[in-house]
């Protein structure tokens, strides 16, 4: 995919979406980003235009992505579609999260298939689709493979009400599972119509590594129709506390948690690290570097 091509990023005002857009712009691509309201998110245009020039970034409004054809105009002339936007309101009611998440994603890939210029479709998924949410199923020695799914999340999400707050995680996980499966289903049923279009789905991972893996999924020729496992290293709160204490020796922090987590083996993670190296990174950003970078403004604050 030649530099200067236009990449569309949904939810470009979000934490991940904005970093994805930034990485594409750094690599010489143009970005068209979607938000619900352009007036409320003018800061996104101001930020990217100040960094990369006026013609590098375009902000467009899509008030409701569940409306059929809502993205048809936005995709005209783009080379890759990066679908990041998702429901993150943490509602424990599956009816308020799952259908919207799935319908938005299906509309996104439908629009991508309609536009001849689109060559890559990248979906931002989540490690929540892989890990068991039930405590009794989180056991040492868990192995994550290419076909792993958190089936218990779907079951827990759709159990009858009441919808207690602790249902939020299973509901979110089930929404991402449903979204990803719907995308793969649509692609498998329609790929004969568009054999030129490639679908890719983008532990702890630094947000810049996340953004770069989206870029890899969109532009590297050997990445085709696969799940990319952006899972840099095991994470638990005790590791974070160790880093924060080292960073701020004069401050007091919560004592270590008794449950330090459980061991997980992620077989496909080496593939993702290889893609980062192809894009010039030395490998995964470490947890310590990521924590220190994100808490620098808090260092030694009173």
C-alpha atoms as a PDB file:
ATOM      1  CA  UNK A   1       0.000   0.000   0.000  1.00  0.00           C
ATOM      2  CA  UNK A   2       1.711   3.230  -1.119  1.00  0.00           C
ATOM      3  CA  UNK A   3       2.351   6.049   1.319  1.00  0.00           C
ATOM      4  CA  UNK A   4      -0.091   8.878   0.801  1.00  0.00           C
ATOM      5  CA  UNK A   5      -3.016   6.433   0.660  1.00  0.00           C
ATOM      6  CA  UNK A   6      -6.016   7.324   2.818  1.00  0.00           C
ATOM      7  CA  UNK A   7      -6.771   5.178   5.877  1.00  0.00           C
ATOM      8  CA  UNK A   8     -10.104   5.389   7.706  1.00  0.00           C
ATOM      9  CA  UNK A   9     -10.137   5.033  11.500  1.00  0.00           C
ATOM     10  CA  UNK A  10     -13.440   4.845  13.378  1.00  0.00           C
ATOM     11  CA  UNK A  11     -13.546   6.242  16.913  1.00  0.00           C
ATOM     12  CA  UNK A  12     -10.518   8.417  16.181  1.00  0.00           C
ATOM     13  CA  UNK A  13     -11.179  10.544  19.272  1.00  0.00           C
ATOM     14  CA  UNK A  14     -10.586   7.582  21.586  1.00  0.00           C
ATOM     15  CA  UNK A  15      -7.386   6.505  23.316  1.00  0.00           C
ATOM     16  CA  UNK A  16      -6.564   3.686  20.905  1.00  0.00           C
ATOM     17  CA  UNK A  17      -8.099   5.295  17.827  1.00  0.00           C
ATOM     18  CA  UNK A  18      -6.066   8.482  18.211  1.00  0.00           C
ATOM     19  CA  UNK A  19      -2.821   6.519  18.588  1.00  0.00           C
ATOM     20  CA  UNK A  20      -3.656   4.391  15.546  1.00  0.00           C
ATOM     21  CA  UNK A  21      -4.245   7.529  13.485  1.00  0.00           C
ATOM     22  CA  UNK A  22      -1.023   9.069  14.776  1.00  0.00           C
ATOM     23  CA  UNK A  23       1.075   6.057  13.722  1.00  0.00           C
ATOM     24  CA  UNK A  24      -0.394   6.012  10.215  1.00  0.00           C
ATOM     25  CA  UNK A  25       0.280   9.735   9.866  1.00  0.00           C
ATOM     26  CA  UNK A  26       3.855   9.263  11.091  1.00  0.00           C
ATOM     27  CA  UNK A  27       4.390   6.618   8.402  1.00  0.00           C
ATOM     28  CA  UNK A  28       3.230   8.981   5.649  1.00  0.00           C
ATOM     29  CA  UNK A  29      -0.399   7.972   5.186  1.00  0.00           C
ATOM     30  CA  UNK A  30      -3.442  10.246   5.196  1.00  0.00           C
ATOM     31  CA  UNK A  31      -6.177   9.563   7.740  1.00  0.00           C
ATOM     32  CA  UNK A  32      -9.938  10.045   7.661  1.00  0.00           C
ATOM     33  CA  UNK A  33     -11.280   9.688  11.191  1.00  0.00           C
ATOM     34  CA  UNK A  34     -14.875   9.240  12.309  1.00  0.00           C
ATOM     35  CA  UNK A  35     -16.579  10.643  15.408  1.00  0.00           C
ATOM     36  CA  UNK A  36     -20.217  11.135  16.338  1.00  0.00           C
ATOM     37  CA  UNK A  37     -19.928  14.935  16.518  1.00  0.00           C
ATOM     38  CA  UNK A  38     -17.186  16.843  14.682  1.00  0.00           C
ATOM     39  CA  UNK A  39     -17.843  20.099  16.555  1.00  0.00           C
ATOM     40  CA  UNK A  40     -17.238  18.466  19.939  1.00  0.00           C
ATOM     41  CA  UNK A  41     -14.111  16.750  18.660  1.00  0.00           C
ATOM     42  CA  UNK A  42     -12.495  19.568  16.698  1.00  0.00           C
ATOM     43  CA  UNK A  43      -9.449  19.136  18.932  1.00  0.00           C
ATOM     44  CA  UNK A  44      -8.595  15.956  17.012  1.00  0.00           C
ATOM     45  CA  UNK A  45      -8.289  17.865  13.733  1.00  0.00           C
ATOM     46  CA  UNK A  46      -6.362  20.653  15.416  1.00  0.00           C
ATOM     47  CA  UNK A  47      -3.911  18.180  16.938  1.00  0.00           C
ATOM     48  CA  UNK A  48      -3.143  16.220  13.784  1.00  0.00           C
ATOM     49  CA  UNK A  49      -3.120  19.207  11.440  1.00  0.00           C
ATOM     50  CA  UNK A  50      -0.627  20.974  13.691  1.00  0.00           C
ATOM     51  CA  UNK A  51       1.642  17.894  13.678  1.00  0.00           C
ATOM     52  CA  UNK A  52       1.301  16.708  10.088  1.00  0.00           C
ATOM     53  CA  UNK A  53      -0.189  19.520   7.977  1.00  0.00           C
ATOM     54  CA  UNK A  54      -3.660  20.573   6.896  1.00  0.00           C
ATOM     55  CA  UNK A  55      -4.153  18.017   4.112  1.00  0.00           C
ATOM     56  CA  UNK A  56      -3.074  15.008   6.163  1.00  0.00           C
ATOM     57  CA  UNK A  57      -6.175  14.481   8.292  1.00  0.00           C
ATOM     58  CA  UNK A  58      -9.928  14.691   7.763  1.00  0.00           C
ATOM     59  CA  UNK A  59     -12.569  14.453  10.510  1.00  0.00           C
ATOM     60  CA  UNK A  60     -16.029  13.195   9.518  1.00  0.00           C
ATOM     61  CA  UNK A  61     -19.265  12.745  11.445  1.00  0.00           C
ATOM     62  CA  UNK A  62     -21.071   9.412  11.739  1.00  0.00           C
ATOM     63  CA  UNK A  63     -23.745   9.920  14.424  1.00  0.00           C
ATOM     64  CA  UNK A  64     -24.935   6.298  14.438  1.00  0.00           C
ATOM     65  CA  UNK A  65     -22.895   3.479  12.924  1.00  0.00           C
ATOM     66  CA  UNK A  66     -25.709   0.961  13.420  1.00  0.00           C
ATOM     67  CA  UNK A  67     -27.723   2.625  10.642  1.00  0.00           C
ATOM     68  CA  UNK A  68     -27.433   0.627   7.435  1.00  0.00           C
ATOM     69  CA  UNK A  69     -25.172   2.454   4.980  1.00  0.00           C
ATOM     70  CA  UNK A  70     -24.034   5.022   7.553  1.00  0.00           C
ATOM     71  CA  UNK A  71     -20.411   4.584   6.464  1.00  0.00           C
ATOM     72  CA  UNK A  72     -20.920   4.247   2.712  1.00  0.00           C
ATOM     73  CA  UNK A  73     -19.880   7.829   1.920  1.00  0.00           C
ATOM     74  CA  UNK A  74     -16.989   7.859   4.393  1.00  0.00           C
ATOM     75  CA  UNK A  75     -15.220   4.920   2.773  1.00  0.00           C
ATOM     76  CA  UNK A  76     -15.041   6.386  -0.725  1.00  0.00           C
ATOM     77  CA  UNK A  77     -11.440   6.500  -1.901  1.00  0.00           C
ATOM     78  CA  UNK A  78      -9.869   4.919   1.192  1.00  0.00           C
ATOM     79  CA  UNK A  79      -7.329   2.095   0.947  1.00  0.00           C
ATOM     80  CA  UNK A  80      -7.767   0.545   4.413  1.00  0.00           C
ATOM     81  CA  UNK A  81     -10.549   0.537   7.000  1.00  0.00           C
ATOM     82  CA  UNK A  82      -9.522   0.349  10.682  1.00  0.00           C
ATOM     83  CA  UNK A  83     -12.593  -0.284  12.864  1.00  0.00           C
ATOM     84  CA  UNK A  84     -11.695   0.737  16.421  1.00  0.00           C
ATOM     85  CA  UNK A  85     -14.963   2.259  17.697  1.00  0.00           C
ATOM     86  CA  UNK A  86     -16.876   0.114  20.171  1.00  0.00           C
ATOM     87  CA  UNK A  87     -19.279   0.420  23.095  1.00  0.00           C
ATOM     88  CA  UNK A  88     -17.308   1.038  26.295  1.00  0.00           C
ATOM     89  CA  UNK A  89     -20.007   2.323  28.646  1.00  0.00           C
ATOM     90  CA  UNK A  90     -19.490  -0.664  31.013  1.00  0.00           C
ATOM     91  CA  UNK A  91     -23.222  -1.332  31.150  1.00  0.00           C
ATOM     92  CA  UNK A  92     -24.011  -4.723  32.722  1.00  0.00           C
ATOM     93  CA  UNK A  93     -27.091  -5.026  30.484  1.00  0.00           C
ATOM     94  CA  UNK A  94     -26.147  -7.091  27.406  1.00  0.00           C
ATOM     95  CA  UNK A  95     -29.019  -5.586  25.425  1.00  0.00           C
ATOM     96  CA  UNK A  96     -27.421  -2.141  25.752  1.00  0.00           C
ATOM     97  CA  UNK A  97     -23.986  -3.250  24.533  1.00  0.00           C
ATOM     98  CA  UNK A  98     -23.812  -6.408  22.437  1.00  0.00           C
ATOM     99  CA  UNK A  99     -26.264  -5.696  19.562  1.00  0.00           C
ATOM    100  CA  UNK A 100     -24.853  -2.197  18.990  1.00  0.00           C
ATOM    101  CA  UNK A 101     -21.268  -3.461  18.969  1.00  0.00           C
ATOM    102  CA  UNK A 102     -22.051  -6.225  16.481  1.00  0.00           C
ATOM    103  CA  UNK A 103     -24.290  -4.139  14.203  1.00  0.00           C
ATOM    104  CA  UNK A 104     -21.720  -1.329  13.969  1.00  0.00           C
ATOM    105  CA  UNK A 105     -18.969  -3.755  12.988  1.00  0.00           C
ATOM    106  CA  UNK A 106     -21.089  -5.539  10.389  1.00  0.00           C
ATOM    107  CA  UNK A 107     -22.089  -2.201   8.855  1.00  0.00           C
ATOM    108  CA  UNK A 108     -18.417  -1.246   8.762  1.00  0.00           C
ATOM    109  CA  UNK A 109     -17.315  -4.319   6.823  1.00  0.00           C
ATOM    110  CA  UNK A 110     -20.356  -4.091   4.524  1.00  0.00           C
ATOM    111  CA  UNK A 111     -19.328  -0.564   3.561  1.00  0.00           C
ATOM    112  CA  UNK A 112     -15.731  -1.696   3.088  1.00  0.00           C
ATOM    113  CA  UNK A 113     -16.840  -4.459   0.720  1.00  0.00           C
ATOM    114  CA  UNK A 114     -18.903  -2.002  -1.339  1.00  0.00           C
ATOM    115  CA  UNK A 115     -15.952   0.325  -1.989  1.00  0.00           C
ATOM    116  CA  UNK A 116     -13.537  -1.018  -4.641  1.00  0.00           C
ATOM    117  CA  UNK A 117     -10.599   1.033  -3.332  1.00  0.00           C
ATOM    118  CA  UNK A 118     -10.575  -0.758   0.057  1.00  0.00           C
ATOM    119  CA  UNK A 119      -7.883  -3.446   0.214  1.00  0.00           C
ATOM    120  CA  UNK A 120      -7.609  -4.076   3.970  1.00  0.00           C
ATOM    121  CA  UNK A 121     -10.130  -4.258   6.820  1.00  0.00           C
ATOM    122  CA  UNK A 122      -8.704  -4.295  10.361  1.00  0.00           C
ATOM    123  CA  UNK A 123     -10.848  -4.899  13.448  1.00  0.00           C
ATOM    124  CA  UNK A 124      -9.710  -3.892  16.928  1.00  0.00           C
ATOM    125  CA  UNK A 125     -10.652  -6.804  19.164  1.00  0.00           C
ATOM    126  CA  UNK A 126      -9.678  -7.435  22.800  1.00  0.00           C
ATOM    127  CA  UNK A 127      -7.871  -9.941  24.991  1.00  0.00           C
ATOM    128  CA  UNK A 128     -11.244 -10.189  26.743  1.00  0.00           C
ATOM    129  CA  UNK A 129     -12.262 -12.490  23.882  1.00  0.00           C
ATOM    130  CA  UNK A 130      -9.549 -14.958  24.921  1.00  0.00           C
ATOM    131  CA  UNK A 131      -9.409 -15.105  28.718  1.00  0.00           C
ATOM    132  CA  UNK A 132     -11.955 -16.874  30.938  1.00  0.00           C
ATOM    133  CA  UNK A 133     -13.936 -14.430  33.052  1.00  0.00           C
ATOM    134  CA  UNK A 134     -15.044 -16.987  35.641  1.00  0.00           C
ATOM    135  CA  UNK A 135     -12.525 -17.115  38.538  1.00  0.00           C
ATOM    136  CA  UNK A 136     -12.768 -20.909  38.731  1.00  0.00           C
ATOM    137  CA  UNK A 137     -11.594 -21.182  35.115  1.00  0.00           C
ATOM    138  CA  UNK A 138      -8.570 -18.915  35.537  1.00  0.00           C
ATOM    139  CA  UNK A 139      -5.978 -21.562  36.246  1.00  0.00           C
ATOM    140  CA  UNK A 140      -2.208 -21.757  35.934  1.00  0.00           C
ATOM    141  CA  UNK A 141      -1.042 -23.214  32.665  1.00  0.00           C
ATOM    142  CA  UNK A 142      -3.799 -21.726  30.499  1.00  0.00           C
ATOM    143  CA  UNK A 143      -2.720 -21.795  26.840  1.00  0.00           C
ATOM    144  CA  UNK A 144      -4.013 -19.208  24.368  1.00  0.00           C
ATOM    145  CA  UNK A 145      -4.068 -20.325  20.721  1.00  0.00           C
ATOM    146  CA  UNK A 146      -5.360 -18.897  17.439  1.00  0.00           C
ATOM    147  CA  UNK A 147      -8.800 -20.433  17.991  1.00  0.00           C
ATOM    148  CA  UNK A 148      -9.225 -19.512  21.676  1.00  0.00           C
ATOM    149  CA  UNK A 149     -12.463 -17.854  22.815  1.00  0.00           C
ATOM    150  CA  UNK A 150     -13.862 -16.897  26.211  1.00  0.00           C
ATOM    151  CA  UNK A 151     -17.022 -18.965  25.879  1.00  0.00           C
ATOM    152  CA  UNK A 152     -17.980 -18.509  29.521  1.00  0.00           C
ATOM    153  CA  UNK A 153     -18.239 -14.746  28.973  1.00  0.00           C
ATOM    154  CA  UNK A 154     -21.031 -15.199  26.442  1.00  0.00           C
ATOM    155  CA  UNK A 155     -22.927 -17.511  28.777  1.00  0.00           C
ATOM    156  CA  UNK A 156     -22.553 -15.168  31.755  1.00  0.00           C
ATOM    157  CA  UNK A 157     -23.438 -12.082  29.725  1.00  0.00           C
ATOM    158  CA  UNK A 158     -26.801 -13.451  28.628  1.00  0.00           C
ATOM    159  CA  UNK A 159     -27.940 -14.949  31.938  1.00  0.00           C
ATOM    160  CA  UNK A 160     -31.281 -13.461  33.049  1.00  0.00           C
ATOM    161  CA  UNK A 161     -31.448 -10.224  35.087  1.00  0.00           C
ATOM    162  CA  UNK A 162     -30.870  -8.602  37.500  1.00  0.00           C
ATOM    163  CA  UNK A 163     -27.900  -6.990  35.753  1.00  0.00           C
ATOM    164  CA  UNK A 164     -25.470  -6.431  38.615  1.00  0.00           C
ATOM    165  CA  UNK A 165     -22.363  -4.242  38.066  1.00  0.00           C
ATOM    166  CA  UNK A 166     -20.049  -7.286  38.089  1.00  0.00           C
ATOM    167  CA  UNK A 167     -21.725  -8.362  34.833  1.00  0.00           C
ATOM    168  CA  UNK A 168     -19.942  -5.520  32.986  1.00  0.00           C
ATOM    169  CA  UNK A 169     -16.802  -7.512  32.093  1.00  0.00           C
ATOM    170  CA  UNK A 170     -18.628 -10.577  30.710  1.00  0.00           C
ATOM    171  CA  UNK A 171     -20.923  -8.271  28.720  1.00  0.00           C
ATOM    172  CA  UNK A 172     -17.989  -6.367  27.234  1.00  0.00           C
ATOM    173  CA  UNK A 173     -16.144  -9.608  26.430  1.00  0.00           C
ATOM    174  CA  UNK A 174     -19.255 -11.111  24.846  1.00  0.00           C
ATOM    175  CA  UNK A 175     -19.734  -7.985  22.730  1.00  0.00           C
ATOM    176  CA  UNK A 176     -16.197  -8.245  21.347  1.00  0.00           C
ATOM    177  CA  UNK A 177     -16.565 -11.990  20.740  1.00  0.00           C
ATOM    178  CA  UNK A 178     -19.847 -11.426  18.911  1.00  0.00           C
ATOM    179  CA  UNK A 179     -18.316  -8.576  16.931  1.00  0.00           C
ATOM    180  CA  UNK A 180     -15.274 -10.561  15.839  1.00  0.00           C
ATOM    181  CA  UNK A 181     -17.255 -13.681  14.961  1.00  0.00           C
ATOM    182  CA  UNK A 182     -19.728 -11.607  12.933  1.00  0.00           C
ATOM    183  CA  UNK A 183     -16.855 -10.059  10.974  1.00  0.00           C
ATOM    184  CA  UNK A 184     -15.280 -13.443  10.221  1.00  0.00           C
ATOM    185  CA  UNK A 185     -18.687 -14.853   9.230  1.00  0.00           C
ATOM    186  CA  UNK A 186     -19.367 -11.983   6.809  1.00  0.00           C
ATOM    187  CA  UNK A 187     -15.872 -12.231   5.354  1.00  0.00           C
ATOM    188  CA  UNK A 188     -16.075 -16.010   4.885  1.00  0.00           C
ATOM    189  CA  UNK A 189     -19.465 -15.712   3.173  1.00  0.00           C
ATOM    190  CA  UNK A 190     -18.454 -12.838   0.882  1.00  0.00           C
ATOM    191  CA  UNK A 191     -14.728 -13.156   0.202  1.00  0.00           C
ATOM    192  CA  UNK A 192     -15.371 -14.746  -3.201  1.00  0.00           C
ATOM    193  CA  UNK A 193     -16.955 -11.433  -4.254  1.00  0.00           C
ATOM    194  CA  UNK A 194     -13.923  -9.447  -3.127  1.00  0.00           C
ATOM    195  CA  UNK A 195     -10.889 -11.766  -3.173  1.00  0.00           C
ATOM    196  CA  UNK A 196      -8.659  -8.681  -3.058  1.00  0.00           C
ATOM    197  CA  UNK A 197      -9.812  -7.537   0.390  1.00  0.00           C
ATOM    198  CA  UNK A 198      -8.009  -8.834   3.492  1.00  0.00           C
ATOM    199  CA  UNK A 199      -9.505  -8.971   7.004  1.00  0.00           C
ATOM    200  CA  UNK A 200      -7.327  -8.763  10.155  1.00  0.00           C
ATOM    201  CA  UNK A 201      -8.231  -8.380  13.845  1.00  0.00           C
ATOM    202  CA  UNK A 202      -5.981  -6.233  15.961  1.00  0.00           C
ATOM    203  CA  UNK A 203      -1.752  -9.496  28.694  1.00  0.00           C
ATOM    204  CA  UNK A 204      -0.456  -6.023  28.649  1.00  0.00           C
ATOM    205  CA  UNK A 205       0.484  -4.069  25.559  1.00  0.00           C
ATOM    206  CA  UNK A 206       1.682  -0.486  25.199  1.00  0.00           C
ATOM    207  CA  UNK A 207      -0.752   1.678  23.226  1.00  0.00           C
ATOM    208  CA  UNK A 208       1.915   2.604  20.661  1.00  0.00           C
ATOM    209  CA  UNK A 209       2.569  -1.089  20.002  1.00  0.00           C
ATOM    210  CA  UNK A 210      -1.196  -1.546  19.630  1.00  0.00           C
ATOM    211  CA  UNK A 211      -1.292   1.254  17.079  1.00  0.00           C
ATOM    212  CA  UNK A 212       1.661  -0.170  15.146  1.00  0.00           C
ATOM    213  CA  UNK A 213       0.042  -3.605  14.957  1.00  0.00           C
ATOM    214  CA  UNK A 214      -2.992  -1.958  13.367  1.00  0.00           C
ATOM    215  CA  UNK A 215      -0.651  -0.409  10.834  1.00  0.00           C
ATOM    216  CA  UNK A 216       1.020  -3.779  10.231  1.00  0.00           C
ATOM    217  CA  UNK A 217      -2.354  -5.416   9.642  1.00  0.00           C
ATOM    218  CA  UNK A 218      -3.227  -2.756   7.082  1.00  0.00           C
ATOM    219  CA  UNK A 219      -0.005  -2.414   5.095  1.00  0.00           C
ATOM    220  CA  UNK A 220       2.284  -5.456   5.415  1.00  0.00           C
ATOM    221  CA  UNK A 221       1.754  -7.822   2.471  1.00  0.00           C
ATOM    222  CA  UNK A 222       2.249 -11.048   4.456  1.00  0.00           C
ATOM    223  CA  UNK A 223      -0.507 -10.264   6.995  1.00  0.00           C
ATOM    224  CA  UNK A 224      -3.690 -11.762   5.609  1.00  0.00           C
ATOM    225  CA  UNK A 225      -6.931 -12.910   7.251  1.00  0.00           C
ATOM    226  CA  UNK A 226      -5.511 -13.598  10.705  1.00  0.00           C
ATOM    227  CA  UNK A 227      -5.902 -12.674  14.344  1.00  0.00           C
ATOM    228  CA  UNK A 228      -2.938 -10.685  15.674  1.00  0.00           C
ATOM    229  CA  UNK A 229      -2.294 -11.291  19.369  1.00  0.00           C
ATOM    230  CA  UNK A 230      -1.027  -8.019  20.833  1.00  0.00           C
ATOM    231  CA  UNK A 231      -0.065  -9.440  24.227  1.00  0.00           C
ATOM    232  CA  UNK A 232       3.381  -8.270  25.297  1.00  0.00           C
ATOM    233  CA  UNK A 233       3.823  -9.785  28.753  1.00  0.00           C
ATOM    234  CA  UNK A 234       1.881 -11.064  31.765  1.00  0.00           C
ATOM    235  CA  UNK A 235       0.386  -8.360  33.954  1.00  0.00           C
ATOM    236  CA  UNK A 236      -0.894  -8.099  37.493  1.00  0.00           C
ATOM    237  CA  UNK A 237      -1.336  -5.210  39.913  1.00  0.00           C
ATOM    238  CA  UNK A 238       1.632  -6.252  42.052  1.00  0.00           C
ATOM    239  CA  UNK A 239       3.973  -5.683  39.089  1.00  0.00           C
ATOM    240  CA  UNK A 240       2.523  -2.209  38.636  1.00  0.00           C
ATOM    241  CA  UNK A 241       2.951  -1.430  42.331  1.00  0.00           C
ATOM    242  CA  UNK A 242       6.624  -2.467  42.197  1.00  0.00           C
ATOM    243  CA  UNK A 243       7.202  -0.065  39.300  1.00  0.00           C
ATOM    244  CA  UNK A 244       5.322   2.803  40.955  1.00  0.00           C
ATOM    245  CA  UNK A 245       7.243   2.377  44.221  1.00  0.00           C
ATOM    246  CA  UNK A 246      10.518   2.428  42.295  1.00  0.00           C
ATOM    247  CA  UNK A 247       9.412   5.551  40.441  1.00  0.00           C
ATOM    248  CA  UNK A 248       8.179   7.359  43.563  1.00  0.00           C
ATOM    249  CA  UNK A 249      10.247   6.211  46.564  1.00  0.00           C
ATOM    250  CA  UNK A 250       8.845   8.957  48.766  1.00  0.00           C
ATOM    251  CA  UNK A 251       5.202   8.011  48.312  1.00  0.00           C
ATOM    252  CA  UNK A 252       3.059   5.352  49.960  1.00  0.00           C
ATOM    253  CA  UNK A 253       1.127   2.848  47.861  1.00  0.00           C
ATOM    254  CA  UNK A 254      -1.387   0.108  48.514  1.00  0.00           C
ATOM    255  CA  UNK A 255       0.176  -3.084  49.843  1.00  0.00           C
ATOM    256  CA  UNK A 256       0.581  -5.979  47.413  1.00  0.00           C
ATOM    257  CA  UNK A 257      -2.488  -8.004  46.539  1.00  0.00           C
ATOM    258  CA  UNK A 258      -2.512 -11.606  47.737  1.00  0.00           C
ATOM    259  CA  UNK A 259      -3.742 -12.918  44.388  1.00  0.00           C
ATOM    260  CA  UNK A 260      -0.937 -12.300  41.923  1.00  0.00           C
ATOM    261  CA  UNK A 261      -2.760 -13.824  38.966  1.00  0.00           C
ATOM    262  CA  UNK A 262      -2.256 -17.047  37.054  1.00  0.00           C
ATOM    263  CA  UNK A 263       0.174 -18.138  34.352  1.00  0.00           C
ATOM    264  CA  UNK A 264      -0.926 -17.977  30.724  1.00  0.00           C
ATOM    265  CA  UNK A 265       0.944 -19.091  27.605  1.00  0.00           C
ATOM    266  CA  UNK A 266       0.078 -17.153  24.439  1.00  0.00           C
ATOM    267  CA  UNK A 267       1.437 -19.166  21.539  1.00  0.00           C
ATOM    268  CA  UNK A 268       0.788 -16.627  18.731  1.00  0.00           C
ATOM    269  CA  UNK A 269       2.356 -13.596  20.462  1.00  0.00           C
ATOM    270  CA  UNK A 270       5.742 -14.103  18.746  1.00  0.00           C
ATOM    271  CA  UNK A 271       4.079 -13.387  15.418  1.00  0.00           C
ATOM    272  CA  UNK A 272       2.943  -9.970  16.660  1.00  0.00           C
ATOM    273  CA  UNK A 273       6.410  -9.121  17.981  1.00  0.00           C
ATOM    274  CA  UNK A 274       7.881 -10.083  14.599  1.00  0.00           C
ATOM    275  CA  UNK A 275       5.520  -7.598  12.926  1.00  0.00           C
ATOM    276  CA  UNK A 276       6.692  -4.846  15.282  1.00  0.00           C
ATOM    277  CA  UNK A 277      10.290  -5.573  14.303  1.00  0.00           C
ATOM    278  CA  UNK A 278       9.326  -5.351  10.623  1.00  0.00           C
ATOM    279  CA  UNK A 279       8.148  -1.804  11.342  1.00  0.00           C
ATOM    280  CA  UNK A 280      11.420  -0.818  13.000  1.00  0.00           C
ATOM    281  CA  UNK A 281      10.668  -1.446  16.675  1.00  0.00           C
ATOM    282  CA  UNK A 282      13.174  -3.479  18.748  1.00  0.00           C
ATOM    283  CA  UNK A 283      10.297  -5.574  20.074  1.00  0.00           C
ATOM    284  CA  UNK A 284       7.580  -5.053  22.670  1.00  0.00           C
ATOM    285  CA  UNK A 285       7.644  -1.932  24.819  1.00  0.00           C
ATOM    286  CA  UNK A 286       8.180  -3.117  28.400  1.00  0.00           C
ATOM    287  CA  UNK A 287       5.577  -2.775  31.116  1.00  0.00           C
ATOM    288  CA  UNK A 288       7.945  -0.574  33.122  1.00  0.00           C
ATOM    289  CA  UNK A 289       8.573   1.819  30.231  1.00  0.00           C
ATOM    290  CA  UNK A 290       4.864   2.034  29.530  1.00  0.00           C
ATOM    291  CA  UNK A 291       3.920   2.682  33.164  1.00  0.00           C
ATOM    292  CA  UNK A 292       6.649   5.291  33.602  1.00  0.00           C
ATOM    293  CA  UNK A 293       5.686   7.020  30.377  1.00  0.00           C
ATOM    294  CA  UNK A 294       2.022   7.221  31.350  1.00  0.00           C
ATOM    295  CA  UNK A 295       2.613   8.382  34.934  1.00  0.00           C
ATOM    296  CA  UNK A 296       5.466  10.820  34.365  1.00  0.00           C
ATOM    297  CA  UNK A 297       3.277  13.817  35.201  1.00  0.00           C
ATOM    298  CA  UNK A 298       2.404  12.231  38.548  1.00  0.00           C
ATOM    299  CA  UNK A 299       6.000  11.632  39.557  1.00  0.00           C
ATOM    300  CA  UNK A 300       6.716  13.000  43.007  1.00  0.00           C
ATOM    301  CA  UNK A 301       3.446  14.959  42.943  1.00  0.00           C
ATOM    302  CA  UNK A 302       2.023  15.710  46.324  1.00  0.00           C
END
